[in-house]
Amino acid sequence: MKLASIIASATLLAMSWLAWGVAPAHAGGTLRIAMTAADVPTTTGMPNNGYEGMRFLGFPVFEGLILFDLTRSDVLATLRPGLAERWAQDKADPTKWVFHLRKGVKFHDGSDFNADAVIWNLERYYNTQSKQFETQGAAITRARNPLVKAYKKIDANTVEIQTVRAVSYFDWLMPYVLFSSPAQFEKVGASWDAFARAPAGTGPFKIVDFKPRTSVELQRNDNYWDRKKVAKLDKIILYPMPEMTTRLAALRSGQVDWIEVPPPDAVQSLKGAGFEVLTGVYPHVWPWVFNLAKADSPFRDVKVRQAANYCVDRDGLLKLLNGLAYPSVGFFTKSNPAFGNPKNAYKYDVERSKALLKEAGYGPDKPVKAKVMISTSGSGQMLPLPMNEFLQQSMKACGFDITFEVVEWGAMLVAYRSSPTGPQAQNSDAMNISLVSSDVSQMGRWFVAFNFAPNGSNWGHWKNETFEAAFAKIAASNNPKEIETELKKAHEALVDDPPWLWIVHDGNPRAMTKAVKGFANAQSWFQDLTLIDLVK
């Protein structure tokens, strides 16, 4: 087609839009989001601030070999190819996984993504002697994926990663290993501090402005490798706002378009004012993680742990939250087929709780004294102060005398990645930290004894032989039926020998203006921001 014809066609199309008063397919614009974090997550390519950091400054900017499919709200998020087109576990040696990389991918700085970049990033996380080793990013990545033992380049577009032992679900851990540009790291002087001010990933958005504790600005990556998923929005600006009332005021005043975790008592008024309030089940559990490594912790006794679980007034807590949560009596929801048939069916039963405490040597003159580390806010932490105060008061009826160690979210994350008997734990008998319950890999991460903190994410150092035997079979199996059977056994052990105080599953609430369109509300801690548009 000649240039004149192209111009004429474009002109006619534009005139038709004006004539009919119809907007284009998308409006772009700048989406402003208020996070629960107290600070902007780090921008080095492995953000801190938990999974909220990954939600907003992880996957939108930096990517893994494998990604999550976040396009549906009716099913749990599944895996999809990312920077690797395909991957497979080696049948001859199941500790080895081969990843075939996507060709033609560019980092935001224009440099090539290839096998050398993969190895360079793995060295960043797993080799303390490498030039690019980054202490914080490595700690976060190793906690989420502690199974990487070795890796090598096979050719320019193929890499092999070896695990410490054969694990059938290793691919579910790979989305949490993100990739940054080696060329950009060198260009800014081989400094992660300098890289944080001019980062480069491969994702659908790129960071263009960063103001610590104030904001971070993302811009659409027009050269994104997946042409079908080039973002609709022009920009996203993220603001850290740990106080829920501050977030609420920002939304109502028009300072932001979207807030994470609105106050429960404001839901009806927000809806009445024309805002959208979205909620739904997603793989999130809000527990107390018991510290079983602490020599004098009362929770070392299983009867005390069971008594605590019979002393949670979940219905009362749901009223406090205005229905923005669901009762938890295990790692999975009761509707999950993997829940199984445990012997204990927890509910608020004061007499049952008292009887168990009596068997454990406690009574009216000897309450269970325990200190719980809690946060002021944070990723997935819901409303930690009023919720924990409610638990503190209601659990007195059974004989629990609970005190709190209140810390900032970032300090709690450091404590969770450290030894439960180290100074970071501040002599706590438990920790209230929200955690993901999406799949078998996460269950293994939190509870397998191999993952005792600080080498992994089993902070409480819980170990159960039934659970260990079931998980050994799960890790070695590729038979869905066998995995299903053993997963039920593993979950039954989690309920009957509880490593955590099962409290609630989060309803994942967020509020936004009606100008926000296309949001999928995926059943995941993460969301696909490329789907979103602003239409005003």
Protein backbone atom coordinates (compact mmCIF):
# COMPACT_ATOMS: atom_id res chain seq x y z
CA MET A 1 0.00 0.00 0.00
CA LYS A 2 1.29 3.47 -0.92
CA LEU A 3 2.03 6.01 1.84
CA ALA A 4 -0.80 8.30 0.66
CA SER A 5 -3.29 5.44 0.95
CA ILE A 6 -2.08 4.59 4.44
CA ILE A 7 -2.50 8.21 5.57
CA ALA A 8 -5.95 8.42 4.00
CA SER A 9 -7.06 5.20 5.70
CA ALA A 10 -5.78 6.37 9.06
CA THR A 11 -7.57 9.70 8.66
CA LEU A 12 -10.87 8.01 7.82
CA LEU A 13 -10.50 5.69 10.83
CA ALA A 14 -9.85 8.63 13.16
CA MET A 15 -12.87 10.50 11.75
CA SER A 16 -15.06 7.47 12.29
CA TRP A 17 -14.04 7.31 15.97
CA LEU A 18 -14.97 10.99 16.36
CA ALA A 19 -18.22 10.62 14.46
CA TRP A 20 -19.47 7.75 16.59
CA GLY A 21 -17.97 9.04 19.87
CA VAL A 22 -16.25 5.69 20.49
CA ALA A 23 -12.94 5.45 22.40
CA PRO A 24 -10.00 3.51 20.98
CA ALA A 25 -9.39 -0.07 22.14
CA HIS A 26 -7.46 1.19 25.13
CA ALA A 27 -6.75 4.52 26.70
CA GLY A 28 -3.33 3.96 28.24
CA GLY A 29 -2.69 6.55 30.88
CA THR A 30 -0.95 6.38 34.26
CA LEU A 31 -2.18 4.00 36.95
CA ARG A 32 -1.39 5.08 40.53
CA ILE A 33 -1.28 2.36 43.20
CA ALA A 34 -0.92 2.62 46.99
CA MET A 35 0.93 -0.39 48.41
CA THR A 36 0.91 -1.62 52.00
CA ALA A 37 4.73 -1.53 52.12
CA ALA A 38 6.45 1.06 54.30
CA ASP A 39 9.06 1.68 51.61
CA VAL A 40 9.47 1.24 47.89
CA PRO A 41 10.70 -2.33 47.26
CA THR A 42 14.31 -2.56 46.11
CA THR A 43 14.93 -2.23 42.37
CA THR A 44 17.95 -4.50 41.89
CA GLY A 45 15.98 -7.25 40.18
CA MET A 46 15.14 -9.16 43.36
CA PRO A 47 12.82 -6.87 45.34
CA ASN A 48 12.38 -7.01 49.07
CA ASN A 49 9.05 -6.41 50.88
CA GLY A 50 7.90 -9.96 50.36
CA TYR A 51 5.47 -10.97 47.65
CA GLU A 52 4.07 -7.44 47.41
CA GLY A 53 7.53 -6.50 46.20
CA MET A 54 7.38 -9.33 43.67
CA ARG A 55 3.85 -8.30 42.63
CA PHE A 56 4.82 -4.75 41.72
CA LEU A 57 8.61 -4.57 41.24
CA GLY A 58 9.36 -8.20 40.50
CA PHE A 59 7.42 -9.83 37.67
CA PRO A 60 6.31 -6.63 35.90
CA VAL A 61 9.97 -5.61 35.41
CA PHE A 62 12.13 -8.71 35.82
CA GLU A 63 11.24 -12.24 34.75
CA GLY A 64 12.10 -15.87 35.34
CA LEU A 65 12.66 -18.79 33.00
CA ILE A 66 9.15 -19.87 33.99
CA LEU A 67 6.25 -17.49 34.69
CA PHE A 68 2.80 -17.76 36.25
CA ASP A 69 -0.33 -17.56 34.12
CA LEU A 70 -2.23 -14.74 35.84
CA THR A 71 -4.97 -14.23 33.27
CA ARG A 72 -7.82 -16.11 35.03
CA SER A 73 -9.73 -15.62 38.26
CA ASP A 74 -11.61 -18.92 38.27
CA VAL A 75 -8.65 -21.27 38.81
CA LEU A 76 -5.38 -21.25 40.71
CA ALA A 77 -2.56 -19.71 38.70
CA THR A 78 -0.61 -22.25 36.66
CA LEU A 79 2.83 -22.19 35.06
CA ARG A 80 3.61 -20.89 31.58
CA PRO A 81 6.81 -20.47 29.54
CA GLY A 82 8.76 -17.33 30.29
CA LEU A 83 12.35 -16.66 29.33
CA ALA A 84 12.55 -20.38 28.63
CA GLU A 85 10.36 -21.67 25.81
CA ARG A 86 10.35 -25.17 27.31
CA TRP A 87 11.99 -27.25 30.01
CA ALA A 88 12.21 -30.87 31.12
CA GLN A 89 13.46 -33.00 33.98
CA ASP A 90 16.19 -35.40 32.86
CA LYS A 91 14.77 -38.93 32.98
CA ALA A 92 18.20 -40.50 33.35
CA ASP A 93 19.18 -38.15 36.18
CA PRO A 94 16.11 -36.49 37.76
CA THR A 95 18.28 -34.04 39.68
CA LYS A 96 18.98 -32.29 36.35
CA TRP A 97 16.63 -29.93 34.51
CA VAL A 98 17.26 -28.60 31.01
CA PHE A 99 15.89 -25.20 29.98
CA HIS A 100 15.65 -24.16 26.33
CA LEU A 101 15.81 -20.38 26.25
CA ARG A 102 13.67 -18.02 24.24
CA LYS A 103 15.61 -16.45 21.36
CA GLY A 104 15.61 -12.76 20.50
CA VAL A 105 14.82 -11.46 24.00
CA LYS A 106 16.41 -8.15 24.94
CA PHE A 107 16.96 -6.56 28.33
CA HIS A 108 15.67 -3.01 28.78
CA ASP A 109 19.17 -1.68 28.05
CA GLY A 110 19.17 -3.41 24.65
CA SER A 111 21.59 -6.20 25.57
CA ASP A 112 20.86 -9.85 24.77
CA PHE A 113 19.27 -12.36 27.09
CA ASN A 114 21.02 -15.71 26.59
CA ALA A 115 22.64 -18.62 28.43
CA ASP A 116 25.53 -16.44 29.60
CA ALA A 117 23.04 -14.07 31.23
CA VAL A 118 21.32 -16.99 32.96
CA ILE A 119 24.56 -18.35 34.40
CA TRP A 120 25.66 -14.84 35.43
CA ASN A 121 22.43 -14.35 37.41
CA LEU A 122 22.62 -17.77 39.02
CA GLU A 123 26.15 -16.88 40.12
CA ARG A 124 24.72 -13.69 41.59
CA TYR A 125 22.38 -15.68 43.81
CA TYR A 126 24.21 -18.92 44.52
CA ASN A 127 27.96 -18.19 44.41
CA THR A 128 29.19 -16.05 47.28
CA GLN A 129 32.56 -15.63 45.55
CA SER A 130 31.21 -14.19 42.32
CA LYS A 131 31.86 -10.55 41.44
CA GLN A 132 28.12 -9.94 41.11
CA PHE A 133 27.04 -11.69 44.32
CA GLU A 134 24.36 -9.65 46.10
CA THR A 135 23.73 -10.48 49.74
CA GLN A 136 20.10 -9.39 50.04
CA GLY A 137 18.95 -10.69 46.66
CA ALA A 138 20.72 -13.98 47.27
CA ALA A 139 19.11 -14.41 50.69
CA ILE A 140 15.64 -13.83 49.25
CA THR A 141 16.19 -16.15 46.27
CA ARG A 142 17.79 -18.95 48.27
CA ALA A 143 14.95 -18.86 50.79
CA ARG A 144 12.42 -19.28 47.97
CA ASN A 145 14.45 -21.75 45.94
CA PRO A 146 17.00 -23.56 48.14
CA LEU A 147 17.31 -26.56 45.82
CA VAL A 148 19.80 -25.24 43.25
CA LYS A 149 23.10 -27.13 43.51
CA ALA A 150 24.88 -26.51 40.21
CA TYR A 151 24.30 -25.08 36.74
CA LYS A 152 26.05 -24.97 33.38
CA LYS A 153 25.70 -23.58 29.89
CA ILE A 154 25.08 -26.22 27.25
CA ASP A 155 25.00 -23.79 24.34
CA ALA A 156 23.99 -20.17 23.71
CA ASN A 157 20.30 -20.99 24.18
CA THR A 158 20.33 -23.93 26.58
CA VAL A 159 21.22 -24.29 30.26
CA GLU A 160 21.17 -27.15 32.74
CA ILE A 161 20.34 -26.68 36.42
CA GLN A 162 21.03 -29.43 38.93
CA THR A 163 19.12 -29.73 42.21
CA VAL A 164 20.41 -30.98 45.55
CA ARG A 165 18.08 -33.96 45.25
CA ALA A 166 15.43 -35.17 42.83
CA VAL A 167 12.33 -32.96 43.21
CA SER A 168 9.37 -33.35 40.86
CA TYR A 169 8.04 -29.86 41.61
CA PHE A 170 11.26 -27.90 41.02
CA ASP A 171 9.73 -26.05 38.07
CA TRP A 172 7.25 -24.41 40.50
CA LEU A 173 10.20 -22.78 42.28
CA MET A 174 11.81 -21.32 39.17
CA PRO A 175 9.48 -18.31 38.71
CA TYR A 176 11.06 -16.86 41.84
CA VAL A 177 14.54 -16.66 40.25
CA LEU A 178 14.55 -13.35 38.37
CA PHE A 179 17.03 -12.16 35.74
CA SER A 180 18.77 -8.79 35.44
CA SER A 181 21.05 -7.42 32.73
CA PRO A 182 24.76 -8.28 33.23
CA ALA A 183 25.66 -5.61 30.66
CA GLN A 184 23.83 -2.90 32.60
CA PHE A 185 25.50 -4.02 35.84
CA GLU A 186 28.92 -3.55 34.23
CA LYS A 187 27.90 -0.29 32.57
CA VAL A 188 27.02 1.35 35.91
CA GLY A 189 30.29 0.29 37.51
CA ALA A 190 29.59 -3.24 38.76
CA SER A 191 27.62 -1.92 41.74
CA TRP A 192 24.18 -3.08 42.80
CA ASP A 193 23.55 0.30 44.42
CA ALA A 194 24.21 1.98 41.07
CA PHE A 195 22.19 -0.67 39.22
CA ALA A 196 19.21 0.02 41.50
CA ARG A 197 19.16 3.59 40.18
CA ALA A 198 19.23 2.44 36.53
CA PRO A 199 17.90 -1.14 36.48
CA ALA A 200 17.27 -3.31 33.44
CA GLY A 201 15.18 -6.47 33.23
CA THR A 202 13.22 -8.09 30.41
CA GLY A 203 9.65 -7.48 31.63
CA PRO A 204 6.67 -5.63 30.14
CA PHE A 205 7.48 -2.55 32.25
CA LYS A 206 10.75 -0.77 32.95
CA ILE A 207 11.70 1.39 35.92
CA VAL A 208 12.25 5.01 34.91
CA ASP A 209 12.14 6.87 38.23
CA PHE A 210 12.86 5.81 41.80
CA LYS A 211 12.46 7.87 44.98
CA PRO A 212 13.16 5.90 48.19
CA ARG A 213 10.19 5.86 50.62
CA THR A 214 8.22 8.03 48.20
CA SER A 215 7.45 6.42 44.84
CA VAL A 216 8.67 4.43 41.88
CA GLU A 217 7.56 4.94 38.29
CA LEU A 218 7.22 2.18 35.69
CA GLN A 219 6.91 2.80 31.97
CA ARG A 220 5.57 0.44 29.33
CA ASN A 221 8.25 -1.56 27.51
CA ASP A 222 7.21 -1.05 23.88
CA ASN A 223 9.83 -3.58 22.77
CA TYR A 224 8.60 -6.39 25.04
CA TRP A 225 9.38 -9.82 23.58
CA ASP A 226 5.81 -11.12 23.92
CA ARG A 227 4.02 -8.88 21.42
CA LYS A 228 0.63 -10.20 22.57
CA LYS A 229 1.29 -8.95 26.08
CA VAL A 230 2.63 -5.46 25.50
CA ALA A 231 1.06 -3.43 28.31
CA LYS A 232 -1.95 -1.18 27.68
CA LEU A 233 -0.98 1.35 30.35
CA ASP A 234 1.61 4.01 29.58
CA LYS A 235 2.88 4.19 33.15
CA ILE A 236 2.37 2.90 36.68
CA ILE A 237 3.34 4.90 39.77
CA LEU A 238 3.67 2.98 43.04
CA TYR A 239 3.42 4.66 46.45
CA PRO A 240 4.30 3.01 49.78
CA MET A 241 1.47 3.68 52.27
CA PRO A 242 1.58 1.31 55.26
CA GLU A 243 -1.29 3.04 57.11
CA MET A 244 -4.67 1.82 55.87
CA THR A 245 -6.38 5.13 56.65
CA THR A 246 -3.77 6.95 54.56
CA ARG A 247 -4.43 4.61 51.65
CA LEU A 248 -8.16 5.11 52.02
CA ALA A 249 -7.82 8.90 52.02
CA ALA A 250 -5.55 8.75 48.98
CA LEU A 251 -8.16 6.79 47.03
CA ARG A 252 -11.07 8.99 48.04
CA SER A 253 -9.18 12.19 47.26
CA GLY A 254 -8.13 11.01 43.81
CA GLN A 255 -4.42 10.83 44.68
CA VAL A 256 -4.38 7.16 43.59
CA ASP A 257 -6.56 4.90 41.46
CA TRP A 258 -6.02 1.66 43.38
CA ILE A 259 -5.23 0.67 46.98
CA GLU A 260 -4.18 -2.62 48.47
CA VAL A 261 -6.12 -3.78 51.57
CA PRO A 262 -8.84 -1.18 52.24
CA PRO A 263 -10.09 -0.89 55.85
CA PRO A 264 -12.89 -3.44 56.38
CA ASP A 265 -15.24 -0.87 57.90
CA ALA A 266 -14.89 1.33 54.80
CA VAL A 267 -15.99 -1.29 52.26
CA GLN A 268 -19.67 -0.35 52.12
CA SER A 269 -19.00 3.38 51.96
CA LEU A 270 -16.46 2.85 49.18
CA LYS A 271 -19.00 0.88 47.17
CA GLY A 272 -21.61 3.54 47.82
CA ALA A 273 -19.21 6.19 46.53
CA GLY A 274 -18.76 4.32 43.27
CA PHE A 275 -15.49 2.51 43.90
CA GLU A 276 -14.88 -1.14 43.04
CA VAL A 277 -13.96 -3.39 45.99
CA LEU A 278 -12.66 -6.73 44.79
CA THR A 279 -12.09 -9.81 46.90
CA GLY A 280 -11.80 -13.56 46.45
CA VAL A 281 -10.11 -16.72 47.63
CA TYR A 282 -6.46 -16.93 46.76
CA PRO A 283 -3.61 -19.11 48.04
CA HIS A 284 -2.86 -17.17 51.18
CA VAL A 285 -2.78 -18.27 54.81
CA TRP A 286 -2.44 -15.90 57.78
CA PRO A 287 -1.03 -17.94 60.70
CA TRP A 288 1.26 -17.78 63.69
CA VAL A 289 4.36 -19.82 62.91
CA PHE A 290 5.37 -21.65 66.10
CA ASN A 291 9.04 -21.53 67.14
CA LEU A 292 9.91 -25.13 68.02
CA ALA A 293 13.67 -24.50 68.07
CA LYS A 294 13.44 -22.24 71.14
CA ALA A 295 14.22 -24.44 74.14
CA ASP A 296 11.67 -22.87 76.49
CA SER A 297 8.87 -22.26 73.99
CA PRO A 298 5.56 -23.65 75.27
CA PHE A 299 4.66 -24.51 71.68
CA ARG A 300 7.18 -27.35 71.63
CA ASP A 301 4.37 -29.41 73.18
CA VAL A 302 1.93 -30.59 70.50
CA LYS A 303 -0.95 -30.44 72.99
CA VAL A 304 -0.31 -26.73 73.52
CA ARG A 305 -0.27 -26.19 69.75
CA GLN A 306 -3.54 -28.09 69.37
CA ALA A 307 -5.04 -26.18 72.32
CA ALA A 308 -4.12 -22.90 70.65
CA ASN A 309 -5.87 -23.99 67.46
CA TYR A 310 -9.03 -24.81 69.45
CA CYS A 311 -8.85 -21.32 70.98
CA VAL A 312 -9.13 -19.20 67.83
CA ASP A 313 -12.47 -17.38 67.53
CA ARG A 314 -12.41 -17.39 63.74
CA ASP A 315 -16.03 -16.30 63.37
CA GLY A 316 -15.43 -13.30 65.61
CA LEU A 317 -12.34 -12.40 63.63
CA LEU A 318 -14.29 -12.57 60.37
CA LYS A 319 -16.82 -10.12 61.81
CA LEU A 320 -13.97 -7.79 62.70
CA LEU A 321 -12.79 -8.03 59.09
CA ASN A 322 -16.26 -7.45 57.65
CA GLY A 323 -16.09 -10.75 55.76
CA LEU A 324 -12.80 -10.01 53.95
CA ALA A 325 -11.29 -13.34 55.02
CA TYR A 326 -12.14 -17.03 55.34
CA PRO A 327 -11.59 -19.32 58.34
CA SER A 328 -8.43 -21.41 58.25
CA VAL A 329 -8.16 -24.82 59.90
CA GLY A 330 -5.21 -26.04 57.84
CA PHE A 331 -2.70 -25.04 55.19
CA PHE A 332 -5.23 -25.55 52.40
CA THR A 333 -8.88 -24.52 52.46
CA LYS A 334 -11.34 -27.25 53.44
CA SER A 335 -12.70 -27.29 49.88
CA ASN A 336 -9.30 -28.31 48.52
CA PRO A 337 -9.22 -32.07 47.73
CA ALA A 338 -5.74 -32.19 49.28
CA PHE A 339 -7.14 -31.21 52.70
CA GLY A 340 -7.68 -34.88 53.54
CA ASN A 341 -9.36 -36.21 56.69
CA PRO A 342 -7.37 -35.12 59.75
CA LYS A 343 -8.39 -36.26 63.22
CA ASN A 344 -8.73 -32.72 64.52
CA ALA A 345 -11.47 -30.40 63.29
CA TYR A 346 -10.55 -27.06 64.81
CA LYS A 347 -13.19 -24.60 65.99
CA TYR A 348 -13.51 -22.18 68.88
CA ASP A 349 -13.87 -24.69 71.73
CA VAL A 350 -12.68 -23.19 75.02
CA GLU A 351 -13.32 -26.33 77.08
CA ARG A 352 -11.45 -28.57 74.63
CA SER A 353 -8.56 -26.12 74.65
CA LYS A 354 -8.46 -25.99 78.45
CA ALA A 355 -8.51 -29.79 78.68
CA LEU A 356 -5.52 -30.07 76.35
CA LEU A 357 -3.64 -27.43 78.31
CA LYS A 358 -4.36 -29.28 81.54
CA GLU A 359 -2.85 -32.45 80.02
CA ALA A 360 0.20 -30.35 79.13
CA GLY A 361 0.57 -29.11 82.72
CA TYR A 362 -1.10 -25.72 82.48
CA GLY A 363 -4.11 -24.33 84.32
CA PRO A 364 -5.72 -21.26 85.92
CA ASP A 365 -2.65 -20.64 88.10
CA LYS A 366 -0.21 -21.39 85.27
CA PRO A 367 -1.23 -19.79 81.97
CA VAL A 368 0.68 -20.36 78.74
CA LYS A 369 2.95 -17.34 78.42
CA ALA A 370 4.24 -16.69 74.91
CA LYS A 371 5.60 -13.79 72.89
CA VAL A 372 4.59 -13.41 69.24
CA MET A 373 6.46 -11.25 66.74
CA ILE A 374 3.99 -9.22 64.67
CA SER A 375 4.34 -6.44 62.11
CA THR A 376 2.72 -3.03 61.72
CA SER A 377 1.77 -3.75 58.08
CA GLY A 378 3.26 -5.41 55.01
CA SER A 379 2.65 -7.69 52.06
CA GLY A 380 -0.33 -9.92 52.77
CA GLN A 381 -0.27 -9.04 56.47
CA MET A 382 -3.89 -7.85 56.29
CA LEU A 383 -4.56 -5.76 59.45
CA PRO A 384 -1.99 -7.25 61.83
CA LEU A 385 -2.44 -4.93 64.82
CA PRO A 386 -6.24 -5.16 65.39
CA MET A 387 -6.33 -8.81 64.33
CA ASN A 388 -3.62 -9.84 66.79
CA GLU A 389 -5.15 -7.75 69.57
CA PHE A 390 -8.43 -9.63 68.98
CA LEU A 391 -6.60 -12.96 69.24
CA GLN A 392 -4.76 -11.84 72.36
CA GLN A 393 -8.01 -11.00 74.13
CA SER A 394 -10.05 -14.00 72.98
CA MET A 395 -7.32 -16.54 73.80
CA LYS A 396 -7.25 -15.45 77.45
CA ALA A 397 -10.44 -17.47 77.96
CA CYS A 398 -8.52 -20.70 77.38
CA GLY A 399 -5.46 -19.82 79.44
CA PHE A 400 -3.09 -18.13 77.00
CA ASP A 401 -1.18 -15.03 78.10
CA ILE A 402 0.11 -13.58 74.82
CA THR A 403 2.44 -10.59 74.45
CA PHE A 404 3.74 -9.04 71.23
CA GLU A 405 7.03 -7.94 69.76
CA VAL A 406 5.95 -5.35 67.18
CA VAL A 407 8.38 -4.73 64.32
CA GLU A 408 8.36 -3.27 60.83
CA TRP A 409 7.59 -5.68 57.98
CA GLY A 410 11.15 -5.56 56.63
CA ALA A 411 12.59 -6.50 60.02
CA MET A 412 10.20 -9.44 60.25
CA LEU A 413 11.29 -10.72 56.84
CA VAL A 414 14.92 -10.60 57.97
CA ALA A 415 13.97 -12.50 61.12
CA TYR A 416 12.06 -15.13 59.12
CA ARG A 417 15.12 -15.80 56.95
CA SER A 418 17.36 -16.07 60.01
CA SER A 419 17.71 -18.66 62.74
CA PRO A 420 14.67 -18.88 65.05
CA THR A 421 17.07 -18.75 68.00
CA GLY A 422 19.15 -15.88 66.61
CA PRO A 423 18.97 -12.25 67.74
CA GLN A 424 16.64 -11.35 64.85
CA ALA A 425 13.87 -13.45 66.43
CA GLN A 426 14.04 -11.33 69.62
CA ASN A 427 13.25 -14.37 71.78
CA SER A 428 9.84 -14.84 70.15
CA ASP A 429 7.85 -18.04 70.62
CA ALA A 430 5.96 -17.53 67.35
CA MET A 431 5.74 -15.17 64.39
CA ASN A 432 2.65 -13.85 62.63
CA ILE A 433 3.67 -13.81 58.98
CA SER A 434 1.37 -14.31 56.00
CA LEU A 435 2.51 -17.02 53.61
CA VAL A 436 1.59 -18.53 50.28
CA SER A 437 -0.28 -21.84 50.03
CA SER A 438 -0.59 -22.19 46.26
CA ASP A 439 0.97 -25.55 45.48
CA VAL A 440 2.99 -28.51 46.65
CA SER A 441 6.32 -26.66 46.25
CA GLN A 442 5.22 -24.06 48.82
CA MET A 443 4.16 -26.74 51.28
CA GLY A 444 7.60 -28.29 50.92
CA ARG A 445 9.25 -24.90 51.33
CA TRP A 446 7.57 -24.13 54.66
CA PHE A 447 7.57 -27.57 56.28
CA VAL A 448 10.21 -30.01 54.98
CA ALA A 449 12.97 -30.45 57.55
CA PHE A 450 15.64 -29.94 54.88
CA ASN A 451 14.48 -26.31 54.77
CA PHE A 452 15.20 -25.42 58.40
CA ALA A 453 15.99 -21.70 58.63
CA PRO A 454 18.37 -20.03 57.95
CA ASN A 455 19.08 -22.43 55.07
CA GLY A 456 15.44 -22.47 54.02
CA SER A 457 11.98 -21.25 54.98
CA ASN A 458 10.98 -23.72 57.72
CA TRP A 459 11.47 -21.02 60.36
CA GLY A 460 9.91 -22.95 63.23
CA HIS A 461 12.10 -26.06 62.71
CA TRP A 462 9.03 -28.31 62.71
CA LYS A 463 9.65 -31.93 61.74
CA ASN A 464 7.12 -34.74 61.45
CA GLU A 465 8.06 -38.21 60.24
CA THR A 466 4.70 -38.88 58.55
CA PHE A 467 5.02 -35.62 56.67
CA GLU A 468 8.65 -36.32 55.74
CA ALA A 469 7.79 -39.78 54.36
CA ALA A 470 4.89 -38.43 52.32
CA PHE A 471 6.95 -35.60 50.90
CA ALA A 472 9.83 -37.89 49.99
CA LYS A 473 7.39 -39.84 47.81
CA ILE A 474 5.95 -36.64 46.33
CA ALA A 475 9.40 -35.32 45.44
CA ALA A 476 10.39 -38.56 43.72
CA SER A 477 7.11 -39.14 41.89
CA ASN A 478 5.72 -37.95 38.58
CA ASN A 479 2.49 -39.93 39.07
CA PRO A 480 -0.40 -37.50 39.74
CA LYS A 481 -2.43 -40.12 41.63
CA GLU A 482 0.43 -40.99 43.95
CA ILE A 483 1.17 -37.30 44.54
CA GLU A 484 -2.49 -36.65 45.34
CA THR A 485 -2.57 -39.50 47.89
CA GLU A 486 0.65 -38.46 49.60
CA LEU A 487 -0.33 -34.79 49.61
CA LYS A 488 -3.43 -35.65 51.65
CA LYS A 489 -1.28 -37.55 54.16
CA ALA A 490 1.10 -34.61 54.39
CA HIS A 491 -1.73 -32.16 54.99
CA GLU A 492 -3.36 -34.33 57.64
CA ALA A 493 -0.05 -34.25 59.52
CA LEU A 494 -0.03 -30.45 59.31
CA VAL A 495 -3.45 -30.31 60.97
CA ASP A 496 -2.97 -32.94 63.66
CA ASP A 497 0.62 -31.98 64.56
CA PRO A 498 0.21 -28.27 63.81
CA PRO A 499 3.40 -26.32 63.12
CA TRP A 500 1.28 -23.17 62.83
CA LEU A 501 -1.72 -21.60 64.46
CA TRP A 502 -4.33 -21.81 61.70
CA ILE A 503 -6.27 -18.53 61.78
CA VAL A 504 -7.64 -17.23 58.44
CA HIS A 505 -7.15 -17.31 54.70
CA ASP A 506 -7.03 -13.77 53.29
CA GLY A 507 -9.86 -12.57 51.05
CA ASN A 508 -7.31 -10.53 49.07
CA PRO A 509 -9.26 -7.23 49.12
CA ARG A 510 -8.28 -4.20 47.04
CA ALA A 511 -10.24 -1.13 46.07
CA MET A 512 -10.01 0.90 42.88
CA THR A 513 -11.83 3.46 40.78
CA LYS A 514 -14.19 2.27 38.07
CA ALA A 515 -11.77 3.71 35.51
CA VAL A 516 -9.55 0.66 36.10
CA LYS A 517 -10.49 -1.95 33.51
CA GLY A 518 -9.23 -5.40 32.57
CA PHE A 519 -8.06 -6.51 36.03
CA ALA A 520 -8.20 -10.34 36.16
CA ASN A 521 -7.97 -10.76 39.98
CA ALA A 522 -5.90 -13.90 39.56
CA GLN A 523 -5.93 -16.58 42.26
CA SER A 524 -2.35 -15.74 43.13
CA TRP A 525 -0.27 -13.37 45.20
CA PHE A 526 0.73 -11.82 41.87
CA GLN A 527 -1.27 -10.02 39.18
CA ASP A 528 -0.86 -9.43 35.44
CA LEU A 529 -0.55 -5.66 35.08
CA THR A 530 -0.34 -5.87 31.29
CA LEU A 531 -4.09 -6.58 31.14
CA ILE A 532 -5.06 -3.36 32.90
CA ASP A 533 -6.26 -0.20 31.25
CA LEU A 534 -7.59 3.15 32.43
CA VAL A 535 -10.77 4.27 30.70
CA LYS A 536 -12.18 7.54 32.02
